[in-house]
Amino acid sequence: MKHRAILELADVQTIIAAARAEALANQWAVTIAVADEGGHLLGLERLDGAPAISAYIAPQKARTSALGRRESKVYEDVINGGRMSFLSAPELQGMLEGGVPILVDGQCVGAVGVSGVKSNEDAQIARAGIAALG
């Protein structure tokens, strides 16, 4: 039997706080979502001024990243590369850059999804949140 790490509430709070700090330092109004390894939402924070739609997009980016065990940008690149049929993939609705998996000892324990600014900036915020876990 294998043992693996799991995200706890304190971890989710740490991720969101660090991601918020990165967003605020850059004056970016975003929504930050944290999901577990199954893509289930554990935490969500919508900063003042973040677009309403970002509260729907960020959790989907996190879900896509968690289920796929990779950055959501991978799926965006596949589609942009011409494989349009990938749009029909089940359960993956956040196929835009900004979803980043949380890896612990090579295992995906969840993901962070961010929406509200340019996709590469969303990913930057997500990575800052994850980095706070140490």
N, C-alpha and C. Protein backbone atom coordinates (compact mmCIF):
# COMPACT_ATOMS: atom_id res chain seq x y z
N MET A 1 0.84 -1.17 0.00
CA MET A 1 0.00 0.00 0.00
C MET A 1 0.88 1.24 0.00
N LYS A 2 0.51 2.20 -0.82
CA LYS A 2 1.26 3.45 -0.89
C LYS A 2 0.63 4.49 0.02
N HIS A 3 1.47 5.39 0.46
CA HIS A 3 1.01 6.52 1.26
C HIS A 3 1.27 7.77 0.45
N ARG A 4 0.37 8.72 0.56
CA ARG A 4 0.56 9.95 -0.20
C ARG A 4 0.12 11.14 0.63
N ALA A 5 0.63 12.28 0.24
CA ALA A 5 0.26 13.53 0.90
C ALA A 5 -1.13 13.94 0.43
N ILE A 6 -1.83 14.67 1.28
CA ILE A 6 -3.11 15.26 0.90
C ILE A 6 -3.12 16.72 1.34
N LEU A 7 -3.87 17.52 0.65
CA LEU A 7 -3.99 18.93 1.02
C LEU A 7 -4.92 19.06 2.22
N GLU A 8 -4.50 19.86 3.17
CA GLU A 8 -5.33 20.17 4.33
C GLU A 8 -5.77 21.63 4.22
N LEU A 9 -6.72 22.02 5.06
CA LEU A 9 -7.24 23.38 5.03
C LEU A 9 -6.12 24.40 5.18
N ALA A 10 -5.17 24.14 6.07
CA ALA A 10 -4.05 25.08 6.26
C ALA A 10 -3.24 25.23 4.99
N ASP A 11 -3.07 24.16 4.23
CA ASP A 11 -2.34 24.23 2.96
C ASP A 11 -3.09 25.09 1.95
N VAL A 12 -4.39 24.90 1.88
CA VAL A 12 -5.23 25.67 0.96
C VAL A 12 -5.14 27.15 1.32
N GLN A 13 -5.20 27.46 2.60
CA GLN A 13 -5.12 28.85 3.04
C GLN A 13 -3.76 29.46 2.72
N THR A 14 -2.70 28.67 2.88
CA THR A 14 -1.35 29.14 2.55
C THR A 14 -1.22 29.44 1.06
N ILE A 15 -1.73 28.53 0.24
CA ILE A 15 -1.68 28.71 -1.22
C ILE A 15 -2.43 29.97 -1.63
N ILE A 16 -3.64 30.11 -1.13
CA ILE A 16 -4.45 31.27 -1.51
C ILE A 16 -3.81 32.57 -1.04
N ALA A 17 -3.27 32.58 0.16
CA ALA A 17 -2.64 33.80 0.68
C ALA A 17 -1.44 34.20 -0.17
N ALA A 18 -0.61 33.24 -0.54
CA ALA A 18 0.57 33.55 -1.36
C ALA A 18 0.17 33.96 -2.77
N ALA A 19 -0.82 33.30 -3.33
CA ALA A 19 -1.30 33.67 -4.66
C ALA A 19 -1.91 35.07 -4.63
N ARG A 20 -2.67 35.36 -3.58
CA ARG A 20 -3.25 36.69 -3.43
C ARG A 20 -2.16 37.75 -3.36
N ALA A 21 -1.11 37.48 -2.58
CA ALA A 21 0.00 38.43 -2.43
C ALA A 21 0.66 38.69 -3.79
N GLU A 22 0.85 37.65 -4.59
CA GLU A 22 1.44 37.81 -5.92
C GLU A 22 0.53 38.65 -6.81
N ALA A 23 -0.75 38.38 -6.77
CA ALA A 23 -1.70 39.14 -7.58
C ALA A 23 -1.73 40.60 -7.16
N LEU A 24 -1.80 40.85 -5.86
CA LEU A 24 -1.88 42.23 -5.38
C LEU A 24 -0.59 43.00 -5.64
N ALA A 25 0.56 42.31 -5.55
CA ALA A 25 1.84 42.96 -5.82
C ALA A 25 1.91 43.46 -7.27
N ASN A 26 1.16 42.79 -8.15
CA ASN A 26 1.14 43.17 -9.56
C ASN A 26 -0.12 43.94 -9.95
N GLN A 27 -0.94 44.24 -8.96
CA GLN A 27 -2.21 44.94 -9.17
C GLN A 27 -3.11 44.20 -10.16
N TRP A 28 -3.21 42.88 -9.97
CA TRP A 28 -4.05 42.04 -10.82
C TRP A 28 -5.27 41.59 -10.04
N ALA A 29 -6.44 41.81 -10.58
CA ALA A 29 -7.70 41.37 -9.97
C ALA A 29 -8.07 40.02 -10.56
N VAL A 30 -7.97 38.97 -9.75
CA VAL A 30 -8.18 37.61 -10.22
C VAL A 30 -9.02 36.80 -9.24
N THR A 31 -9.43 35.64 -9.71
CA THR A 31 -10.01 34.62 -8.84
C THR A 31 -9.02 33.48 -8.73
N ILE A 32 -8.85 32.98 -7.51
CA ILE A 32 -7.90 31.89 -7.22
C ILE A 32 -8.70 30.70 -6.72
N ALA A 33 -8.47 29.54 -7.32
CA ALA A 33 -9.17 28.32 -6.92
C ALA A 33 -8.15 27.23 -6.61
N VAL A 34 -8.43 26.45 -5.57
CA VAL A 34 -7.60 25.31 -5.22
C VAL A 34 -8.50 24.07 -5.22
N ALA A 35 -8.05 23.03 -5.91
CA ALA A 35 -8.79 21.78 -5.99
C ALA A 35 -7.95 20.63 -5.47
N ASP A 36 -8.61 19.56 -5.04
CA ASP A 36 -7.88 18.35 -4.63
C ASP A 36 -7.52 17.53 -5.87
N GLU A 37 -6.93 16.35 -5.67
CA GLU A 37 -6.46 15.55 -6.80
C GLU A 37 -7.60 15.07 -7.70
N GLY A 38 -8.81 15.07 -7.22
CA GLY A 38 -9.96 14.68 -8.03
C GLY A 38 -10.65 15.86 -8.69
N GLY A 39 -10.08 17.05 -8.52
CA GLY A 39 -10.65 18.24 -9.12
C GLY A 39 -11.75 18.89 -8.31
N HIS A 40 -11.97 18.40 -7.08
CA HIS A 40 -13.01 18.96 -6.22
C HIS A 40 -12.52 20.24 -5.56
N LEU A 41 -13.34 21.26 -5.60
CA LEU A 41 -12.96 22.57 -5.08
C LEU A 41 -12.76 22.54 -3.57
N LEU A 42 -11.60 23.02 -3.14
CA LEU A 42 -11.27 23.12 -1.71
C LEU A 42 -11.29 24.56 -1.23
N GLY A 43 -11.01 25.51 -2.12
CA GLY A 43 -10.98 26.91 -1.74
C GLY A 43 -11.10 27.80 -2.95
N LEU A 44 -11.74 28.95 -2.75
CA LEU A 44 -11.92 29.92 -3.82
C LEU A 44 -11.89 31.31 -3.23
N GLU A 45 -11.16 32.21 -3.90
CA GLU A 45 -11.14 33.61 -3.48
C GLU A 45 -11.17 34.49 -4.71
N ARG A 46 -12.16 35.37 -4.75
CA ARG A 46 -12.28 36.33 -5.85
C ARG A 46 -11.90 37.70 -5.32
N LEU A 47 -10.80 38.23 -5.85
CA LEU A 47 -10.32 39.52 -5.40
C LEU A 47 -11.22 40.64 -5.91
N ASP A 48 -11.21 41.74 -5.20
CA ASP A 48 -11.99 42.90 -5.62
C ASP A 48 -11.63 43.28 -7.05
N GLY A 49 -12.65 43.48 -7.86
CA GLY A 49 -12.43 43.89 -9.24
C GLY A 49 -12.26 42.76 -10.23
N ALA A 50 -12.18 41.52 -9.75
CA ALA A 50 -12.02 40.38 -10.66
C ALA A 50 -13.30 40.19 -11.47
N PRO A 51 -13.17 39.87 -12.74
CA PRO A 51 -14.37 39.66 -13.55
C PRO A 51 -15.24 38.53 -12.99
N ALA A 52 -16.54 38.68 -13.08
CA ALA A 52 -17.45 37.66 -12.56
C ALA A 52 -17.19 36.30 -13.19
N ILE A 53 -16.92 36.26 -14.48
CA ILE A 53 -16.69 34.99 -15.18
C ILE A 53 -15.47 34.26 -14.63
N SER A 54 -14.52 34.99 -14.04
CA SER A 54 -13.31 34.35 -13.52
C SER A 54 -13.63 33.38 -12.37
N ALA A 55 -14.75 33.60 -11.69
CA ALA A 55 -15.16 32.70 -10.61
C ALA A 55 -15.63 31.35 -11.15
N TYR A 56 -15.93 31.29 -12.43
CA TYR A 56 -16.27 30.02 -13.07
C TYR A 56 -15.04 29.40 -13.74
N ILE A 57 -14.20 30.24 -14.32
CA ILE A 57 -13.05 29.74 -15.08
C ILE A 57 -11.95 29.19 -14.18
N ALA A 58 -11.62 29.88 -13.10
CA ALA A 58 -10.52 29.45 -12.22
C ALA A 58 -10.72 28.03 -11.68
N PRO A 59 -11.91 27.69 -11.15
CA PRO A 59 -12.10 26.32 -10.67
C PRO A 59 -11.97 25.27 -11.78
N GLN A 60 -12.40 25.64 -12.99
CA GLN A 60 -12.30 24.68 -14.09
C GLN A 60 -10.85 24.48 -14.52
N LYS A 61 -10.05 25.53 -14.47
CA LYS A 61 -8.62 25.38 -14.75
C LYS A 61 -7.98 24.47 -13.71
N ALA A 62 -8.32 24.67 -12.43
CA ALA A 62 -7.77 23.82 -11.37
C ALA A 62 -8.21 22.37 -11.57
N ARG A 63 -9.47 22.17 -11.87
CA ARG A 63 -10.01 20.81 -12.08
C ARG A 63 -9.31 20.11 -13.23
N THR A 64 -9.17 20.82 -14.34
CA THR A 64 -8.51 20.25 -15.52
C THR A 64 -7.07 19.87 -15.20
N SER A 65 -6.37 20.74 -14.50
CA SER A 65 -4.98 20.48 -14.15
C SER A 65 -4.86 19.30 -13.19
N ALA A 66 -5.75 19.23 -12.21
CA ALA A 66 -5.70 18.13 -11.24
C ALA A 66 -6.01 16.79 -11.91
N LEU A 67 -7.07 16.74 -12.70
CA LEU A 67 -7.45 15.49 -13.35
C LEU A 67 -6.40 15.02 -14.35
N GLY A 68 -5.80 15.98 -15.06
CA GLY A 68 -4.80 15.64 -16.07
C GLY A 68 -3.40 15.48 -15.52
N ARG A 69 -3.20 15.93 -14.25
CA ARG A 69 -1.89 15.84 -13.60
C ARG A 69 -0.82 16.63 -14.34
N ARG A 70 -1.26 17.69 -15.01
CA ARG A 70 -0.33 18.54 -15.76
C ARG A 70 -0.94 19.94 -15.86
N GLU A 71 -0.13 20.88 -16.31
CA GLU A 71 -0.64 22.24 -16.47
C GLU A 71 -1.73 22.27 -17.53
N SER A 72 -2.74 23.07 -17.30
CA SER A 72 -3.84 23.18 -18.25
C SER A 72 -3.38 23.74 -19.59
N LYS A 73 -2.25 24.43 -19.60
CA LYS A 73 -1.69 24.97 -20.84
C LYS A 73 -1.39 23.87 -21.84
N VAL A 74 -1.08 22.68 -21.37
CA VAL A 74 -0.80 21.56 -22.28
C VAL A 74 -2.00 21.32 -23.19
N TYR A 75 -3.18 21.37 -22.63
CA TYR A 75 -4.39 21.14 -23.41
C TYR A 75 -4.66 22.30 -24.37
N GLU A 76 -4.41 23.51 -23.92
CA GLU A 76 -4.57 24.67 -24.79
C GLU A 76 -3.63 24.54 -25.99
N ASP A 77 -2.39 24.13 -25.74
CA ASP A 77 -1.42 23.97 -26.82
C ASP A 77 -1.84 22.88 -27.81
N VAL A 78 -2.41 21.79 -27.32
CA VAL A 78 -2.88 20.70 -28.18
C VAL A 78 -3.97 21.22 -29.12
N ILE A 79 -4.90 21.96 -28.55
CA ILE A 79 -6.01 22.50 -29.35
C ILE A 79 -5.50 23.54 -30.34
N ASN A 80 -4.63 24.45 -29.86
CA ASN A 80 -4.06 25.46 -30.75
C ASN A 80 -3.21 24.85 -31.85
N GLY A 81 -2.69 23.65 -31.58
CA GLY A 81 -1.90 22.94 -32.58
C GLY A 81 -2.75 22.27 -33.65
N GLY A 82 -4.07 22.39 -33.53
CA GLY A 82 -4.95 21.87 -34.56
C GLY A 82 -5.78 20.67 -34.18
N ARG A 83 -5.56 20.12 -33.01
CA ARG A 83 -6.34 18.94 -32.61
C ARG A 83 -7.65 19.39 -31.95
N MET A 84 -8.54 19.90 -32.76
CA MET A 84 -9.80 20.46 -32.29
C MET A 84 -10.69 19.40 -31.64
N SER A 85 -10.53 18.15 -32.03
CA SER A 85 -11.36 17.08 -31.45
C SER A 85 -11.14 16.96 -29.94
N PHE A 86 -10.03 17.50 -29.45
CA PHE A 86 -9.75 17.43 -28.02
C PHE A 86 -10.75 18.26 -27.21
N LEU A 87 -11.45 19.16 -27.87
CA LEU A 87 -12.47 19.96 -27.19
C LEU A 87 -13.61 19.08 -26.66
N SER A 88 -13.73 17.87 -27.18
CA SER A 88 -14.78 16.96 -26.73
C SER A 88 -14.34 16.07 -25.57
N ALA A 89 -13.13 16.26 -25.06
CA ALA A 89 -12.64 15.45 -23.94
C ALA A 89 -13.59 15.61 -22.75
N PRO A 90 -14.03 14.50 -22.15
CA PRO A 90 -14.98 14.60 -21.03
C PRO A 90 -14.33 15.20 -19.78
N GLU A 91 -15.12 15.97 -19.04
CA GLU A 91 -14.74 16.53 -17.74
C GLU A 91 -13.66 17.60 -17.79
N LEU A 92 -13.18 17.96 -18.96
CA LEU A 92 -12.15 18.99 -19.06
C LEU A 92 -12.75 20.22 -19.72
N GLN A 93 -13.00 21.26 -18.89
CA GLN A 93 -13.60 22.47 -19.41
C GLN A 93 -12.67 23.68 -19.27
N GLY A 94 -11.61 23.56 -18.51
CA GLY A 94 -10.70 24.67 -18.29
C GLY A 94 -9.41 24.48 -19.03
N MET A 95 -9.50 24.33 -20.35
CA MET A 95 -8.31 24.05 -21.15
C MET A 95 -7.64 25.33 -21.62
N LEU A 96 -7.32 26.18 -20.64
CA LEU A 96 -6.61 27.43 -20.87
C LEU A 96 -5.46 27.51 -19.88
N GLU A 97 -4.40 28.18 -20.24
CA GLU A 97 -3.27 28.34 -19.32
C GLU A 97 -3.75 29.02 -18.03
N GLY A 98 -3.19 28.57 -16.92
CA GLY A 98 -3.56 29.14 -15.63
C GLY A 98 -3.91 28.10 -14.59
N GLY A 99 -3.93 26.84 -14.99
CA GLY A 99 -4.11 25.73 -14.05
C GLY A 99 -2.78 25.02 -13.87
N VAL A 100 -2.34 24.89 -12.61
CA VAL A 100 -1.03 24.31 -12.32
C VAL A 100 -1.19 23.22 -11.27
N PRO A 101 -0.67 22.01 -11.54
CA PRO A 101 -0.81 20.94 -10.56
C PRO A 101 0.09 21.16 -9.34
N ILE A 102 -0.33 20.62 -8.23
CA ILE A 102 0.47 20.64 -7.00
C ILE A 102 1.07 19.25 -6.87
N LEU A 103 2.38 19.16 -7.03
CA LEU A 103 3.07 17.87 -6.99
C LEU A 103 3.86 17.73 -5.71
N VAL A 104 3.70 16.59 -5.05
CA VAL A 104 4.45 16.27 -3.84
C VAL A 104 5.05 14.89 -4.04
N ASP A 105 6.36 14.82 -4.02
CA ASP A 105 7.06 13.55 -4.25
C ASP A 105 6.60 12.88 -5.54
N GLY A 106 6.40 13.70 -6.58
CA GLY A 106 6.02 13.17 -7.87
C GLY A 106 4.54 12.82 -8.01
N GLN A 107 3.77 13.00 -6.98
CA GLN A 107 2.34 12.69 -7.00
C GLN A 107 1.52 13.98 -7.02
N CYS A 108 0.48 14.00 -7.83
CA CYS A 108 -0.40 15.16 -7.89
C CYS A 108 -1.38 15.08 -6.72
N VAL A 109 -1.37 16.10 -5.88
CA VAL A 109 -2.27 16.15 -4.72
C VAL A 109 -3.37 17.19 -4.92
N GLY A 110 -3.33 17.89 -6.03
CA GLY A 110 -4.32 18.91 -6.32
C GLY A 110 -3.81 19.86 -7.37
N ALA A 111 -4.47 21.01 -7.46
CA ALA A 111 -4.06 22.01 -8.45
C ALA A 111 -4.61 23.37 -8.05
N VAL A 112 -3.97 24.39 -8.62
CA VAL A 112 -4.42 25.77 -8.44
C VAL A 112 -4.81 26.30 -9.82
N GLY A 113 -5.96 26.95 -9.87
CA GLY A 113 -6.41 27.60 -11.09
C GLY A 113 -6.62 29.08 -10.82
N VAL A 114 -6.18 29.91 -11.73
CA VAL A 114 -6.32 31.36 -11.58
C VAL A 114 -6.89 31.91 -12.89
N SER A 115 -7.78 32.89 -12.75
CA SER A 115 -8.35 33.54 -13.92
C SER A 115 -8.58 35.02 -13.62
N GLY A 116 -8.38 35.84 -14.64
CA GLY A 116 -8.66 37.26 -14.49
C GLY A 116 -7.73 38.18 -15.24
N VAL A 117 -6.51 37.69 -15.53
CA VAL A 117 -5.55 38.49 -16.29
C VAL A 117 -5.06 37.66 -17.47
N LYS A 118 -3.95 38.02 -18.08
CA LYS A 118 -3.40 37.23 -19.17
C LYS A 118 -3.10 35.83 -18.65
N SER A 119 -3.24 34.83 -19.50
CA SER A 119 -3.08 33.45 -19.07
C SER A 119 -1.72 33.16 -18.45
N ASN A 120 -0.65 33.72 -19.02
CA ASN A 120 0.67 33.48 -18.44
C ASN A 120 0.79 34.13 -17.07
N GLU A 121 0.08 35.24 -16.85
CA GLU A 121 0.06 35.89 -15.54
C GLU A 121 -0.77 35.08 -14.55
N ASP A 122 -1.87 34.49 -15.03
CA ASP A 122 -2.65 33.57 -14.19
C ASP A 122 -1.76 32.44 -13.68
N ALA A 123 -0.98 31.85 -14.59
CA ALA A 123 -0.09 30.75 -14.22
C ALA A 123 0.98 31.21 -13.24
N GLN A 124 1.49 32.42 -13.43
CA GLN A 124 2.49 32.98 -12.51
C GLN A 124 1.93 33.06 -11.08
N ILE A 125 0.70 33.51 -10.97
CA ILE A 125 0.04 33.60 -9.66
C ILE A 125 -0.14 32.22 -9.06
N ALA A 126 -0.59 31.27 -9.85
CA ALA A 126 -0.79 29.90 -9.36
C ALA A 126 0.52 29.30 -8.86
N ARG A 127 1.59 29.49 -9.61
CA ARG A 127 2.89 28.96 -9.19
C ARG A 127 3.38 29.61 -7.90
N ALA A 128 3.12 30.90 -7.73
CA ALA A 128 3.51 31.59 -6.49
C ALA A 128 2.77 30.99 -5.30
N GLY A 129 1.51 30.67 -5.49
CA GLY A 129 0.75 30.04 -4.42
C GLY A 129 1.31 28.68 -4.04
N ILE A 130 1.61 27.88 -5.05
CA ILE A 130 2.15 26.54 -4.80
C ILE A 130 3.52 26.62 -4.14
N ALA A 131 4.33 27.57 -4.58
CA ALA A 131 5.70 27.71 -4.02
C ALA A 131 5.67 27.96 -2.52
N ALA A 132 4.60 28.55 -2.03
CA ALA A 132 4.51 28.84 -0.59
C ALA A 132 4.42 27.59 0.26
N LEU A 133 4.10 26.47 -0.35
CA LEU A 133 4.03 25.20 0.40
C LEU A 133 5.43 24.70 0.79
N GLY A 134 6.44 25.22 0.08
CA GLY A 134 7.81 24.85 0.42
C GLY A 134 8.33 23.67 -0.24
